[in-house]
């Protein structure tokens, strides 16, 4: 084995070891906040095929939805698993605990990014409206290409300035109850359509 090939293998080994150590550290220190819903998950009865369990996985927008409109979740049998401030890395870490192990028929992951003029806690991010629009276009194209349901909250909640309509927010990022009122029939219709397709 030549030196170049050996160094490549050594680099690969170091990368793999780093990922392994990083994952172990993250889980040991509960970076994904696996403990957050552990009691609620344990208390859930085992889902049957008839249950058609639906889980909402997300960040503060999902967590706020459950807190603001608990009846929407309760009356429809939806399960909220949102944790404020989380990113995709943390979703991945807790996806088995908060989704897969609960054997849902469907999982709802925030399918479009809500409009915003800026993020007050990350003011260094510029051109926020344009970036959100571009990201949503890519998400929608990916969903369409892979036959994944896409719910366009953005279109229903954006104002003429490409910001979140002030009728639906107090801080420009998170929906109020009135904002969730707009989102609920959109997602419910998509869920019902997806569940129906599972029966076909």
Protein backbone atom coordinates (compact mmCIF):
# COMPACT_ATOMS: atom_id res chain seq x y z
CA UNK A 1 0.00 0.00 0.00
CA UNK A 2 1.52 3.32 -1.03
CA UNK A 3 1.88 6.23 1.38
CA UNK A 4 -0.87 8.27 -0.27
CA UNK A 5 -3.40 5.44 0.05
CA UNK A 6 -2.33 4.83 3.65
CA UNK A 7 -2.79 8.49 4.56
CA UNK A 8 -6.27 8.46 2.99
CA UNK A 9 -7.27 5.47 5.08
CA UNK A 10 -5.85 7.08 8.20
CA UNK A 11 -7.80 10.28 7.49
CA UNK A 12 -11.00 8.26 6.99
CA UNK A 13 -10.41 6.45 10.28
CA UNK A 14 -9.91 9.74 12.12
CA UNK A 15 -13.11 11.18 10.59
CA UNK A 16 -15.14 8.08 11.54
CA UNK A 17 -13.70 8.12 15.06
CA UNK A 18 -14.53 11.82 15.38
CA UNK A 19 -18.14 11.19 14.36
CA UNK A 20 -18.39 8.31 16.82
CA UNK A 21 -16.94 10.36 19.69
CA UNK A 22 -19.10 13.35 18.74
CA UNK A 23 -22.29 11.30 18.70
CA UNK A 24 -21.39 9.64 22.01
CA UNK A 25 -20.67 13.04 23.58
CA UNK A 26 -23.88 14.54 22.21
CA UNK A 27 -26.01 11.70 23.55
CA UNK A 28 -24.23 11.61 26.91
CA UNK A 29 -24.81 15.33 27.36
CA UNK A 30 -28.32 15.08 25.84
CA UNK A 31 -27.57 17.57 23.08
CA UNK A 32 -30.70 16.32 21.30
CA UNK A 33 -32.77 16.71 24.48
CA UNK A 34 -33.89 13.09 24.34
CA UNK A 35 -35.17 13.36 27.91
CA UNK A 36 -37.64 16.11 27.07
CA UNK A 37 -40.49 13.81 26.01
CA UNK A 38 -39.26 10.54 27.52
CA UNK A 39 -42.08 10.31 30.09
CA UNK A 40 -44.79 11.23 27.57
CA UNK A 41 -43.40 8.73 25.08
CA UNK A 42 -43.34 5.96 27.67
CA UNK A 43 -46.94 6.74 28.66
CA UNK A 44 -48.27 6.44 25.10
CA UNK A 45 -50.08 3.18 24.34
CA UNK A 46 -48.62 1.08 21.57
CA UNK A 47 -50.01 2.27 18.25
CA UNK A 48 -52.02 -0.12 16.12
CA UNK A 49 -52.56 0.05 12.35
CA UNK A 50 -56.01 1.51 12.99
CA UNK A 51 -54.61 4.37 15.08
CA UNK A 52 -53.04 6.27 12.17
CA UNK A 53 -50.83 8.14 14.63
CA UNK A 54 -49.50 11.50 13.42
CA UNK A 55 -46.48 13.16 15.02
CA UNK A 56 -45.44 16.80 14.55
CA UNK A 57 -41.65 17.09 14.81
CA UNK A 58 -40.08 20.52 14.98
CA UNK A 59 -38.71 23.50 16.87
CA UNK A 60 -40.32 26.47 18.65
CA UNK A 61 -43.00 26.91 15.99
CA UNK A 62 -44.19 23.34 16.57
CA UNK A 63 -43.83 23.60 20.35
CA UNK A 64 -45.71 26.90 20.35
CA UNK A 65 -48.45 25.38 18.22
CA UNK A 66 -49.16 22.68 20.81
CA UNK A 67 -49.04 25.22 23.63
CA UNK A 68 -51.24 27.78 21.85
CA UNK A 69 -53.80 25.40 20.33
CA UNK A 70 -53.76 22.19 22.41
CA UNK A 71 -57.31 21.36 21.33
CA UNK A 72 -56.23 21.11 17.69
CA UNK A 73 -53.84 18.33 18.65
CA UNK A 74 -56.11 16.64 21.15
CA UNK A 75 -59.24 16.60 18.95
CA UNK A 76 -57.32 15.22 15.97
CA UNK A 77 -55.18 12.79 17.94
CA UNK A 78 -51.98 14.52 16.80
CA UNK A 79 -48.83 14.29 18.92
CA UNK A 80 -46.56 17.33 19.26
CA UNK A 81 -42.82 16.82 19.62
CA UNK A 82 -41.45 20.32 19.15
CA UNK A 83 -38.50 21.70 21.12
CA UNK A 84 -37.71 25.40 20.98
CA UNK A 85 -34.34 26.35 19.53
CA UNK A 86 -33.52 23.00 17.98
CA UNK A 87 -31.86 22.54 14.61
CA UNK A 88 -31.79 19.66 12.13
CA UNK A 89 -28.83 18.03 13.93
CA UNK A 90 -30.89 17.72 17.10
CA UNK A 91 -33.94 16.48 15.20
CA UNK A 92 -31.79 13.67 13.81
CA UNK A 93 -30.48 12.74 17.25
CA UNK A 94 -33.95 12.41 18.75
CA UNK A 95 -35.84 11.18 15.69
CA UNK A 96 -35.82 7.56 16.84
CA UNK A 97 -36.97 8.38 20.38
CA UNK A 98 -39.65 10.92 19.47
CA UNK A 99 -40.85 9.55 16.13
CA UNK A 100 -39.78 6.07 14.98
CA UNK A 101 -40.26 4.32 18.33
CA UNK A 102 -43.81 5.74 18.53
CA UNK A 103 -44.69 3.97 15.24
CA UNK A 104 -46.62 6.80 13.56
CA UNK A 105 -48.46 6.46 10.28
CA UNK A 106 -47.19 9.95 9.39
CA UNK A 107 -44.67 12.46 10.64
CA UNK A 108 -45.09 16.18 9.97
CA UNK A 109 -41.81 18.06 9.74
CA UNK A 110 -42.21 21.81 9.23
CA UNK A 111 -42.74 21.48 5.47
CA UNK A 112 -42.13 25.09 4.54
CA UNK A 113 -40.25 27.90 6.27
CA UNK A 114 -42.47 30.74 7.44
CA UNK A 115 -41.75 34.20 6.04
CA UNK A 116 -39.64 36.60 8.09
CA UNK A 117 -38.01 39.98 7.50
CA UNK A 118 -35.13 39.19 9.89
CA UNK A 119 -34.12 37.02 12.83
CA UNK A 120 -33.48 39.33 15.78
CA UNK A 121 -31.20 36.80 17.47
CA UNK A 122 -29.12 36.38 14.27
CA UNK A 123 -28.91 39.86 12.78
CA UNK A 124 -25.75 38.91 10.89
CA UNK A 125 -27.97 36.92 8.50
CA UNK A 126 -28.75 39.27 5.61
CA UNK A 127 -31.39 39.06 2.86
CA UNK A 128 -33.58 36.86 5.04
CA UNK A 129 -36.77 37.10 2.91
CA UNK A 130 -34.90 36.14 -0.24
CA UNK A 131 -33.10 33.25 1.48
CA UNK A 132 -36.36 31.88 2.88
CA UNK A 133 -38.06 32.12 -0.52
CA UNK A 134 -35.15 30.33 -2.19
CA UNK A 135 -35.08 27.62 0.48
CA UNK A 136 -38.82 27.03 0.17
CA UNK A 137 -38.51 26.74 -3.60
CA UNK A 138 -35.83 24.06 -3.15
CA UNK A 139 -37.85 22.18 -0.50
CA UNK A 140 -40.93 22.23 -2.72
CA UNK A 141 -38.98 21.01 -5.75
CA UNK A 142 -37.40 18.20 -3.70
CA UNK A 143 -40.78 17.19 -2.27
CA UNK A 144 -42.36 17.13 -5.71
CA UNK A 145 -39.52 15.10 -7.22
CA UNK A 146 -39.75 12.55 -4.40
CA UNK A 147 -43.56 12.51 -4.07
CA UNK A 148 -43.49 13.93 -0.54
CA UNK A 149 -46.48 16.06 0.53
CA UNK A 150 -45.56 19.74 0.74
CA UNK A 151 -47.66 22.27 2.63
CA UNK A 152 -47.09 25.88 1.63
CA UNK A 153 -47.61 27.86 4.84
CA UNK A 154 -45.37 30.58 3.41
CA UNK A 155 -47.74 31.54 0.62
CA UNK A 156 -50.68 31.80 3.01
CA UNK A 157 -48.84 33.93 5.59
CA UNK A 158 -46.48 36.25 3.70
CA UNK A 159 -47.24 39.96 3.33
CA UNK A 160 -46.33 42.38 0.54
CA UNK A 161 -42.86 42.93 2.07
CA UNK A 162 -42.05 39.20 2.06
CA UNK A 163 -42.34 39.21 5.86
CA UNK A 164 -44.65 37.27 8.14
CA UNK A 165 -47.99 39.05 8.03
CA UNK A 166 -48.26 41.15 11.24
CA UNK A 167 -51.81 39.87 11.69
CA UNK A 168 -50.30 36.46 12.45
CA UNK A 169 -47.27 37.28 14.63
CA UNK A 170 -45.97 39.48 17.43
CA UNK A 171 -42.25 39.00 16.92
CA UNK A 172 -42.08 38.62 13.15
CA UNK A 173 -41.05 34.95 13.31
CA UNK A 174 -43.40 32.91 15.50
CA UNK A 175 -47.12 32.60 14.75
CA UNK A 176 -49.78 33.76 17.18
CA UNK A 177 -53.04 31.89 17.60
CA UNK A 178 -54.32 33.68 14.52
CA UNK A 179 -51.32 32.41 12.56
CA UNK A 180 -51.94 28.83 13.63
CA UNK A 181 -55.57 29.30 12.57
CA UNK A 182 -54.28 29.80 9.03
CA UNK A 183 -51.91 26.83 9.19
CA UNK A 184 -54.29 24.27 10.67
CA UNK A 185 -56.71 23.66 7.78
CA UNK A 186 -53.74 23.47 5.38
CA UNK A 187 -51.93 20.77 7.33
CA UNK A 188 -55.09 18.90 8.29
CA UNK A 189 -56.12 18.65 4.64
CA UNK A 190 -52.65 17.35 3.71
CA UNK A 191 -52.67 14.83 6.56
CA UNK A 192 -56.09 13.49 5.62
CA UNK A 193 -55.05 13.16 1.98
CA UNK A 194 -51.84 11.34 2.95
CA UNK A 195 -53.64 8.98 5.34
CA UNK A 196 -56.23 8.23 2.68
CA UNK A 197 -53.51 7.36 0.19
CA UNK A 198 -52.08 4.87 2.70
CA UNK A 199 -55.38 3.00 2.61
CA UNK A 200 -55.40 2.73 -1.17
